[in-house]
């Protein structure tokens, strides 16, 4: 099998924005579906979703700028150019989740039930949104000799051109799809509030921790691990609590 030569073409910015938007809209739509099934006021989902998306974009960009501050020293206005790529999912997940939950709490909503509605949507949104990362060339992988490696050839790509790389963006997308499918099956068996969210956090953290070893873009370092891997350990711990400990305390 010959390696894949992937030419982004002239529309990396357009592609990134389209897939990111589509992922957010799909996540919101699926959350509304789940909220309706749980007989929650599903019309709150778009409001909470917009708040989470805006806050998530700010958080994702803020973490990226913190990691790559040298890129913006001479032209700080480029901090606003989020359509060119440069978003860190961990920042989006953290800021977006907190802001959305604060809104729902202000409306006196059952947060764990809402989280269980949101979790599958986030996994589905990641599945779609990561395709935008692939077309933009951000979140690129290390060099590889594997037959499914990809080579970016367009000068507009955010990935190094001319090198055979792990398609880590697609790894993330497939991980999101796998997580989504598992959550759809698991929700028929997990009845405790917050349990599905706990499973999501565990699956997300494990997949992300592993994929990080194949990433080549800088994401901060904490000893032998990346800053993102440190965040995944926190998410994993929360997931364990929600899936196994909180259930027994609530019983």
C-alpha atoms as a PDB file:
ATOM      1  CA  UNK A   1       0.000   0.000   0.000  1.00  0.00           C
ATOM      2  CA  UNK A   2       1.367   3.394  -0.998  1.00  0.00           C
ATOM      3  CA  UNK A   3       1.297   6.311   1.470  1.00  0.00           C
ATOM      4  CA  UNK A   4      -1.399   8.929   0.956  1.00  0.00           C
ATOM      5  CA  UNK A   5      -0.399  12.241  -0.588  1.00  0.00           C
ATOM      6  CA  UNK A   6      -2.868  14.788   0.744  1.00  0.00           C
ATOM      7  CA  UNK A   7      -3.009  18.253  -0.808  1.00  0.00           C
ATOM      8  CA  UNK A   8      -5.169  20.636   1.192  1.00  0.00           C
ATOM      9  CA  UNK A   9      -5.690  22.874  -1.827  1.00  0.00           C
ATOM     10  CA  UNK A  10      -6.582  26.536  -1.473  1.00  0.00           C
ATOM     11  CA  UNK A  11      -9.359  26.284   1.117  1.00  0.00           C
ATOM     12  CA  UNK A  12      -7.872  25.133   4.443  1.00  0.00           C
ATOM     13  CA  UNK A  13      -9.404  28.060   6.339  1.00  0.00           C
ATOM     14  CA  UNK A  14     -12.834  27.497   4.782  1.00  0.00           C
ATOM     15  CA  UNK A  15     -12.722  23.765   5.450  1.00  0.00           C
ATOM     16  CA  UNK A  16     -11.693  24.219   9.088  1.00  0.00           C
ATOM     17  CA  UNK A  17     -14.514  26.647   9.805  1.00  0.00           C
ATOM     18  CA  UNK A  18     -17.167  24.557   8.079  1.00  0.00           C
ATOM     19  CA  UNK A  19     -16.349  21.340   9.918  1.00  0.00           C
ATOM     20  CA  UNK A  20     -15.978  23.098  13.259  1.00  0.00           C
ATOM     21  CA  UNK A  21     -19.374  24.753  12.823  1.00  0.00           C
ATOM     22  CA  UNK A  22     -20.978  21.512  11.664  1.00  0.00           C
ATOM     23  CA  UNK A  23     -19.583  19.674  14.672  1.00  0.00           C
ATOM     24  CA  UNK A  24     -20.963  22.274  17.092  1.00  0.00           C
ATOM     25  CA  UNK A  25     -24.398  22.252  15.454  1.00  0.00           C
ATOM     26  CA  UNK A  26     -24.541  18.454  15.457  1.00  0.00           C
ATOM     27  CA  UNK A  27     -23.571  18.350  19.135  1.00  0.00           C
ATOM     28  CA  UNK A  28     -26.313  20.853  19.939  1.00  0.00           C
ATOM     29  CA  UNK A  29     -28.925  18.974  17.895  1.00  0.00           C
ATOM     30  CA  UNK A  30     -28.101  15.660  19.535  1.00  0.00           C
ATOM     31  CA  UNK A  31     -28.260  17.247  22.992  1.00  0.00           C
ATOM     32  CA  UNK A  32     -31.741  18.552  22.200  1.00  0.00           C
ATOM     33  CA  UNK A  33     -32.777  15.057  21.124  1.00  0.00           C
ATOM     34  CA  UNK A  34     -31.520  13.480  24.336  1.00  0.00           C
ATOM     35  CA  UNK A  35     -33.076  16.223  26.489  1.00  0.00           C
ATOM     36  CA  UNK A  36     -36.450  15.673  24.822  1.00  0.00           C
ATOM     37  CA  UNK A  37     -36.234  11.933  25.552  1.00  0.00           C
ATOM     38  CA  UNK A  38     -35.500  12.707  29.218  1.00  0.00           C
ATOM     39  CA  UNK A  39     -38.426  15.154  29.275  1.00  0.00           C
ATOM     40  CA  UNK A  40     -36.139  18.060  30.082  1.00  0.00           C
ATOM     41  CA  UNK A  41     -36.856  21.564  28.715  1.00  0.00           C
ATOM     42  CA  UNK A  42     -34.918  20.862  25.522  1.00  0.00           C
ATOM     43  CA  UNK A  43     -35.418  24.393  24.203  1.00  0.00           C
ATOM     44  CA  UNK A  44     -32.737  25.445  26.706  1.00  0.00           C
ATOM     45  CA  UNK A  45     -30.195  23.369  24.799  1.00  0.00           C
ATOM     46  CA  UNK A  46     -29.554  25.945  22.030  1.00  0.00           C
ATOM     47  CA  UNK A  47     -29.045  28.742  24.578  1.00  0.00           C
ATOM     48  CA  UNK A  48     -26.717  26.646  26.727  1.00  0.00           C
ATOM     49  CA  UNK A  49     -25.031  25.398  23.550  1.00  0.00           C
ATOM     50  CA  UNK A  50     -24.323  28.885  22.208  1.00  0.00           C
ATOM     51  CA  UNK A  51     -22.948  29.973  25.588  1.00  0.00           C
ATOM     52  CA  UNK A  52     -20.763  26.853  25.720  1.00  0.00           C
ATOM     53  CA  UNK A  53     -19.568  27.268  22.121  1.00  0.00           C
ATOM     54  CA  UNK A  54     -18.597  30.918  22.537  1.00  0.00           C
ATOM     55  CA  UNK A  55     -16.884  30.248  25.870  1.00  0.00           C
ATOM     56  CA  UNK A  56     -15.295  27.112  24.452  1.00  0.00           C
ATOM     57  CA  UNK A  57     -13.823  29.028  21.522  1.00  0.00           C
ATOM     58  CA  UNK A  58     -12.393  31.588  23.918  1.00  0.00           C
ATOM     59  CA  UNK A  59     -10.934  28.856  26.121  1.00  0.00           C
ATOM     60  CA  UNK A  60      -9.570  26.868  23.190  1.00  0.00           C
ATOM     61  CA  UNK A  61      -7.925  29.936  21.692  1.00  0.00           C
ATOM     62  CA  UNK A  62      -6.624  31.192  25.040  1.00  0.00           C
ATOM     63  CA  UNK A  63      -4.869  27.884  25.732  1.00  0.00           C
ATOM     64  CA  UNK A  64      -3.418  27.827  22.207  1.00  0.00           C
ATOM     65  CA  UNK A  65      -2.132  31.397  22.556  1.00  0.00           C
ATOM     66  CA  UNK A  66      -0.614  30.515  25.928  1.00  0.00           C
ATOM     67  CA  UNK A  67       1.227  27.582  24.373  1.00  0.00           C
ATOM     68  CA  UNK A  68       2.305  29.428  21.216  1.00  0.00           C
ATOM     69  CA  UNK A  69       2.649  32.982  22.506  1.00  0.00           C
ATOM     70  CA  UNK A  70       5.757  33.576  20.369  1.00  0.00           C
ATOM     71  CA  UNK A  71       3.588  33.394  17.235  1.00  0.00           C
ATOM     72  CA  UNK A  72       1.619  36.489  18.237  1.00  0.00           C
ATOM     73  CA  UNK A  73       4.291  38.765  19.677  1.00  0.00           C
ATOM     74  CA  UNK A  74       4.776  40.759  16.468  1.00  0.00           C
ATOM     75  CA  UNK A  75       1.158  40.706  15.311  1.00  0.00           C
ATOM     76  CA  UNK A  76      -1.198  40.322  18.309  1.00  0.00           C
ATOM     77  CA  UNK A  77      -4.304  40.926  16.198  1.00  0.00           C
ATOM     78  CA  UNK A  78      -3.847  37.419  14.767  1.00  0.00           C
ATOM     79  CA  UNK A  79      -5.034  36.096  18.111  1.00  0.00           C
ATOM     80  CA  UNK A  80      -8.527  36.779  16.752  1.00  0.00           C
ATOM     81  CA  UNK A  81      -7.971  34.728  13.567  1.00  0.00           C
ATOM     82  CA  UNK A  82      -9.503  31.516  14.906  1.00  0.00           C
ATOM     83  CA  UNK A  83     -10.687  30.490  11.424  1.00  0.00           C
ATOM     84  CA  UNK A  84      -7.071  29.794  10.541  1.00  0.00           C
ATOM     85  CA  UNK A  85      -6.872  27.018  13.111  1.00  0.00           C
ATOM     86  CA  UNK A  86      -5.137  27.102  16.456  1.00  0.00           C
ATOM     87  CA  UNK A  87      -7.678  25.818  18.968  1.00  0.00           C
ATOM     88  CA  UNK A  88      -6.946  23.417  21.823  1.00  0.00           C
ATOM     89  CA  UNK A  89      -9.808  21.014  22.506  1.00  0.00           C
ATOM     90  CA  UNK A  90      -9.019  20.684  26.222  1.00  0.00           C
ATOM     91  CA  UNK A  91      -9.485  24.434  26.655  1.00  0.00           C
ATOM     92  CA  UNK A  92     -12.753  24.338  24.722  1.00  0.00           C
ATOM     93  CA  UNK A  93     -14.017  21.383  26.730  1.00  0.00           C
ATOM     94  CA  UNK A  94     -13.155  22.955  30.077  1.00  0.00           C
ATOM     95  CA  UNK A  95     -14.391  26.511  29.433  1.00  0.00           C
ATOM     96  CA  UNK A  96     -17.397  25.433  27.373  1.00  0.00           C
ATOM     97  CA  UNK A  97     -18.589  22.855  29.891  1.00  0.00           C
ATOM     98  CA  UNK A  98     -18.264  25.185  32.869  1.00  0.00           C
ATOM     99  CA  UNK A  99     -20.074  28.088  31.214  1.00  0.00           C
ATOM    100  CA  UNK A 100     -22.880  25.877  29.886  1.00  0.00           C
ATOM    101  CA  UNK A 101     -23.349  24.241  33.282  1.00  0.00           C
ATOM    102  CA  UNK A 102     -23.372  27.592  35.060  1.00  0.00           C
ATOM    103  CA  UNK A 103     -26.206  28.699  32.788  1.00  0.00           C
ATOM    104  CA  UNK A 104     -28.189  25.528  33.445  1.00  0.00           C
ATOM    105  CA  UNK A 105     -27.572  25.857  37.175  1.00  0.00           C
ATOM    106  CA  UNK A 106     -28.878  29.425  37.072  1.00  0.00           C
ATOM    107  CA  UNK A 107     -32.060  27.974  35.555  1.00  0.00           C
ATOM    108  CA  UNK A 108     -32.264  25.419  38.414  1.00  0.00           C
ATOM    109  CA  UNK A 109     -31.839  22.480  36.042  1.00  0.00           C
ATOM    110  CA  UNK A 110     -30.675  18.949  37.047  1.00  0.00           C
ATOM    111  CA  UNK A 111     -27.043  19.193  35.964  1.00  0.00           C
ATOM    112  CA  UNK A 112     -26.180  15.490  35.894  1.00  0.00           C
ATOM    113  CA  UNK A 113     -29.165  14.697  33.695  1.00  0.00           C
ATOM    114  CA  UNK A 114     -28.154  17.449  31.326  1.00  0.00           C
ATOM    115  CA  UNK A 115     -24.559  16.245  31.285  1.00  0.00           C
ATOM    116  CA  UNK A 116     -25.761  12.800  30.241  1.00  0.00           C
ATOM    117  CA  UNK A 117     -27.625  14.472  27.367  1.00  0.00           C
ATOM    118  CA  UNK A 118     -24.600  16.505  26.346  1.00  0.00           C
ATOM    119  CA  UNK A 119     -21.926  13.781  26.450  1.00  0.00           C
ATOM    120  CA  UNK A 120     -22.930  11.822  23.304  1.00  0.00           C
ATOM    121  CA  UNK A 121     -23.353  15.087  21.411  1.00  0.00           C
ATOM    122  CA  UNK A 122     -19.833  16.196  22.317  1.00  0.00           C
ATOM    123  CA  UNK A 123     -18.423  12.887  21.064  1.00  0.00           C
ATOM    124  CA  UNK A 124     -20.361  13.243  17.808  1.00  0.00           C
ATOM    125  CA  UNK A 125     -19.289  16.863  17.437  1.00  0.00           C
ATOM    126  CA  UNK A 126     -15.649  15.882  17.895  1.00  0.00           C
ATOM    127  CA  UNK A 127     -16.035  13.249  15.185  1.00  0.00           C
ATOM    128  CA  UNK A 128     -17.025  15.939  12.689  1.00  0.00           C
ATOM    129  CA  UNK A 129     -14.965  18.840  13.981  1.00  0.00           C
ATOM    130  CA  UNK A 130     -11.682  16.929  13.864  1.00  0.00           C
ATOM    131  CA  UNK A 131     -12.085  16.551  10.107  1.00  0.00           C
ATOM    132  CA  UNK A 132     -11.630  20.324   9.955  1.00  0.00           C
ATOM    133  CA  UNK A 133      -8.338  19.900  11.816  1.00  0.00           C
ATOM    134  CA  UNK A 134      -7.288  17.406   9.167  1.00  0.00           C
ATOM    135  CA  UNK A 135      -8.044  19.717   6.259  1.00  0.00           C
ATOM    136  CA  UNK A 136      -6.363  22.661   7.973  1.00  0.00           C
ATOM    137  CA  UNK A 137      -3.337  20.534   8.912  1.00  0.00           C
ATOM    138  CA  UNK A 138      -3.372  21.495  12.601  1.00  0.00           C
ATOM    139  CA  UNK A 139      -3.011  18.918  15.397  1.00  0.00           C
ATOM    140  CA  UNK A 140      -0.637  17.023  13.111  1.00  0.00           C
ATOM    141  CA  UNK A 141       1.192  13.830  13.942  1.00  0.00           C
ATOM    142  CA  UNK A 142       4.756  12.621  14.118  1.00  0.00           C
ATOM    143  CA  UNK A 143       6.563  11.168  11.128  1.00  0.00           C
ATOM    144  CA  UNK A 144       5.731   7.559  10.344  1.00  0.00           C
ATOM    145  CA  UNK A 145       6.401   4.814   7.816  1.00  0.00           C
ATOM    146  CA  UNK A 146       2.963   3.262   8.232  1.00  0.00           C
ATOM    147  CA  UNK A 147       0.929   2.791   5.036  1.00  0.00           C
ATOM    148  CA  UNK A 148      -1.873   5.072   6.194  1.00  0.00           C
ATOM    149  CA  UNK A 149       0.480   7.982   6.815  1.00  0.00           C
ATOM    150  CA  UNK A 150      -0.406  11.214   5.033  1.00  0.00           C
ATOM    151  CA  UNK A 151       1.757  13.857   3.396  1.00  0.00           C
ATOM    152  CA  UNK A 152       0.597  17.476   3.346  1.00  0.00           C
ATOM    153  CA  UNK A 153       1.810  19.343   0.289  1.00  0.00           C
ATOM    154  CA  UNK A 154      -0.008  22.678   0.275  1.00  0.00           C
ATOM    155  CA  UNK A 155       2.027  25.643   1.619  1.00  0.00           C
ATOM    156  CA  UNK A 156      -1.110  26.868   3.404  1.00  0.00           C
ATOM    157  CA  UNK A 157      -1.191  23.785   5.577  1.00  0.00           C
ATOM    158  CA  UNK A 158      -0.527  24.169   9.291  1.00  0.00           C
ATOM    159  CA  UNK A 159       1.241  20.809   9.196  1.00  0.00           C
ATOM    160  CA  UNK A 160       4.843  20.361   7.997  1.00  0.00           C
ATOM    161  CA  UNK A 161       4.744  19.727   4.278  1.00  0.00           C
ATOM    162  CA  UNK A 162       6.559  16.981   2.459  1.00  0.00           C
ATOM    163  CA  UNK A 163       6.736  14.547   5.412  1.00  0.00           C
ATOM    164  CA  UNK A 164       4.819  11.326   5.956  1.00  0.00           C
ATOM    165  CA  UNK A 165       2.849  11.902   9.166  1.00  0.00           C
ATOM    166  CA  UNK A 166       0.451  10.071  11.455  1.00  0.00           C
ATOM    167  CA  UNK A 167      -3.071  11.338  10.607  1.00  0.00           C
ATOM    168  CA  UNK A 168      -3.705  12.112  14.263  1.00  0.00           C
ATOM    169  CA  UNK A 169      -6.657  14.319  13.362  1.00  0.00           C
ATOM    170  CA  UNK A 170      -8.379  11.243  11.950  1.00  0.00           C
ATOM    171  CA  UNK A 171      -7.387   9.226  15.010  1.00  0.00           C
ATOM    172  CA  UNK A 172      -9.246  11.813  17.091  1.00  0.00           C
ATOM    173  CA  UNK A 173     -12.233  11.679  14.753  1.00  0.00           C
ATOM    174  CA  UNK A 174     -12.424   7.880  14.890  1.00  0.00           C
ATOM    175  CA  UNK A 175     -12.041   7.976  18.682  1.00  0.00           C
ATOM    176  CA  UNK A 176     -14.990  10.362  18.858  1.00  0.00           C
ATOM    177  CA  UNK A 177     -17.091   8.094  16.651  1.00  0.00           C
ATOM    178  CA  UNK A 178     -16.185   5.011  18.717  1.00  0.00           C
ATOM    179  CA  UNK A 179     -17.035   6.876  21.926  1.00  0.00           C
ATOM    180  CA  UNK A 180     -20.361   8.007  20.468  1.00  0.00           C
ATOM    181  CA  UNK A 181     -21.343   4.454  19.488  1.00  0.00           C
ATOM    182  CA  UNK A 182     -20.346   3.044  22.889  1.00  0.00           C
ATOM    183  CA  UNK A 183     -22.364   5.734  24.668  1.00  0.00           C
ATOM    184  CA  UNK A 184     -25.443   4.945  22.573  1.00  0.00           C
ATOM    185  CA  UNK A 185     -25.207   1.312  23.622  1.00  0.00           C
ATOM    186  CA  UNK A 186     -24.268   2.025  27.237  1.00  0.00           C
ATOM    187  CA  UNK A 187     -27.157   4.389  27.933  1.00  0.00           C
ATOM    188  CA  UNK A 188     -29.478   1.375  27.828  1.00  0.00           C
ATOM    189  CA  UNK A 189     -27.624  -0.111  30.786  1.00  0.00           C
ATOM    190  CA  UNK A 190     -26.341   2.860  32.814  1.00  0.00           C
ATOM    191  CA  UNK A 191     -29.237   4.256  34.810  1.00  0.00           C
ATOM    192  CA  UNK A 192     -27.470   6.371  37.437  1.00  0.00           C
ATOM    193  CA  UNK A 193     -27.419  10.121  36.808  1.00  0.00           C
ATOM    194  CA  UNK A 194     -23.991  11.222  35.631  1.00  0.00           C
ATOM    195  CA  UNK A 195     -22.915   7.674  34.808  1.00  0.00           C
ATOM    196  CA  UNK A 196     -22.982   8.190  31.065  1.00  0.00           C
ATOM    197  CA  UNK A 197     -20.954  11.364  31.461  1.00  0.00           C
ATOM    198  CA  UNK A 198     -18.464   9.436  33.571  1.00  0.00           C
ATOM    199  CA  UNK A 199     -18.097   6.811  30.844  1.00  0.00           C
ATOM    200  CA  UNK A 200     -17.610   9.541  28.253  1.00  0.00           C
ATOM    201  CA  UNK A 201     -14.859  11.173  30.291  1.00  0.00           C
ATOM    202  CA  UNK A 202     -13.090   7.836  30.763  1.00  0.00           C
ATOM    203  CA  UNK A 203     -13.246   6.929  27.065  1.00  0.00           C
ATOM    204  CA  UNK A 204     -12.258  10.422  25.956  1.00  0.00           C
ATOM    205  CA  UNK A 205      -9.336  10.541  28.381  1.00  0.00           C
ATOM    206  CA  UNK A 206      -7.953   7.120  27.468  1.00  0.00           C
ATOM    207  CA  UNK A 207      -8.190   7.773  23.726  1.00  0.00           C
ATOM    208  CA  UNK A 208      -6.731  11.248  24.013  1.00  0.00           C
ATOM    209  CA  UNK A 209      -3.895  10.136  26.304  1.00  0.00           C
ATOM    210  CA  UNK A 210      -2.856   7.454  23.793  1.00  0.00           C
ATOM    211  CA  UNK A 211      -3.180   9.637  20.687  1.00  0.00           C
ATOM    212  CA  UNK A 212      -1.030  12.298  22.338  1.00  0.00           C
ATOM    213  CA  UNK A 213       1.998  10.022  21.954  1.00  0.00           C
ATOM    214  CA  UNK A 214       1.602  10.287  18.169  1.00  0.00           C
ATOM    215  CA  UNK A 215       1.140  14.083  18.049  1.00  0.00           C
ATOM    216  CA  UNK A 216       4.029  16.299  16.955  1.00  0.00           C
ATOM    217  CA  UNK A 217       2.650  19.797  17.510  1.00  0.00           C
ATOM    218  CA  UNK A 218       3.696  21.458  20.754  1.00  0.00           C
ATOM    219  CA  UNK A 219       1.083  21.295  23.536  1.00  0.00           C
ATOM    220  CA  UNK A 220       3.158  22.144  26.590  1.00  0.00           C
ATOM    221  CA  UNK A 221       5.198  19.706  28.663  1.00  0.00           C
ATOM    222  CA  UNK A 222       5.005  18.312  32.171  1.00  0.00           C
ATOM    223  CA  UNK A 223       7.917  15.919  32.472  1.00  0.00           C
ATOM    224  CA  UNK A 224       7.530  13.080  29.951  1.00  0.00           C
ATOM    225  CA  UNK A 225       3.915  14.002  29.244  1.00  0.00           C
ATOM    226  CA  UNK A 226       2.160  16.810  27.426  1.00  0.00           C
ATOM    227  CA  UNK A 227       0.009  19.384  29.184  1.00  0.00           C
ATOM    228  CA  UNK A 228      -2.993  17.859  27.450  1.00  0.00           C
ATOM    229  CA  UNK A 229      -2.227  14.469  28.957  1.00  0.00           C
ATOM    230  CA  UNK A 230      -2.205  16.107  32.376  1.00  0.00           C
ATOM    231  CA  UNK A 231      -5.707  17.457  31.718  1.00  0.00           C
ATOM    232  CA  UNK A 232      -6.899  14.035  30.582  1.00  0.00           C
ATOM    233  CA  UNK A 233      -5.828  12.554  33.907  1.00  0.00           C
ATOM    234  CA  UNK A 234      -8.099  15.072  35.638  1.00  0.00           C
ATOM    235  CA  UNK A 235     -10.983  14.254  33.293  1.00  0.00           C
ATOM    236  CA  UNK A 236     -10.366  10.534  33.817  1.00  0.00           C
ATOM    237  CA  UNK A 237     -10.534  10.935  37.599  1.00  0.00           C
ATOM    238  CA  UNK A 238     -13.829  12.815  37.338  1.00  0.00           C
ATOM    239  CA  UNK A 239     -15.150  10.093  35.041  1.00  0.00           C
ATOM    240  CA  UNK A 240     -14.232   7.357  37.527  1.00  0.00           C
ATOM    241  CA  UNK A 241     -16.001   9.279  40.277  1.00  0.00           C
ATOM    242  CA  UNK A 242     -19.200   9.788  38.268  1.00  0.00           C
ATOM    243  CA  UNK A 243     -19.388   6.244  36.928  1.00  0.00           C
ATOM    244  CA  UNK A 244     -18.408   4.235  39.999  1.00  0.00           C
ATOM    245  CA  UNK A 245     -18.352   6.327  43.195  1.00  0.00           C
ATOM    246  CA  UNK A 246     -21.143   8.867  42.810  1.00  0.00           C
ATOM    247  CA  UNK A 247     -23.573   6.083  41.877  1.00  0.00           C
ATOM    248  CA  UNK A 248     -23.109   4.296  45.206  1.00  0.00           C
ATOM    249  CA  UNK A 249     -23.246   7.522  47.225  1.00  0.00           C
ATOM    250  CA  UNK A 250     -26.545   8.411  45.588  1.00  0.00           C
ATOM    251  CA  UNK A 251     -28.063   4.972  46.116  1.00  0.00           C
END
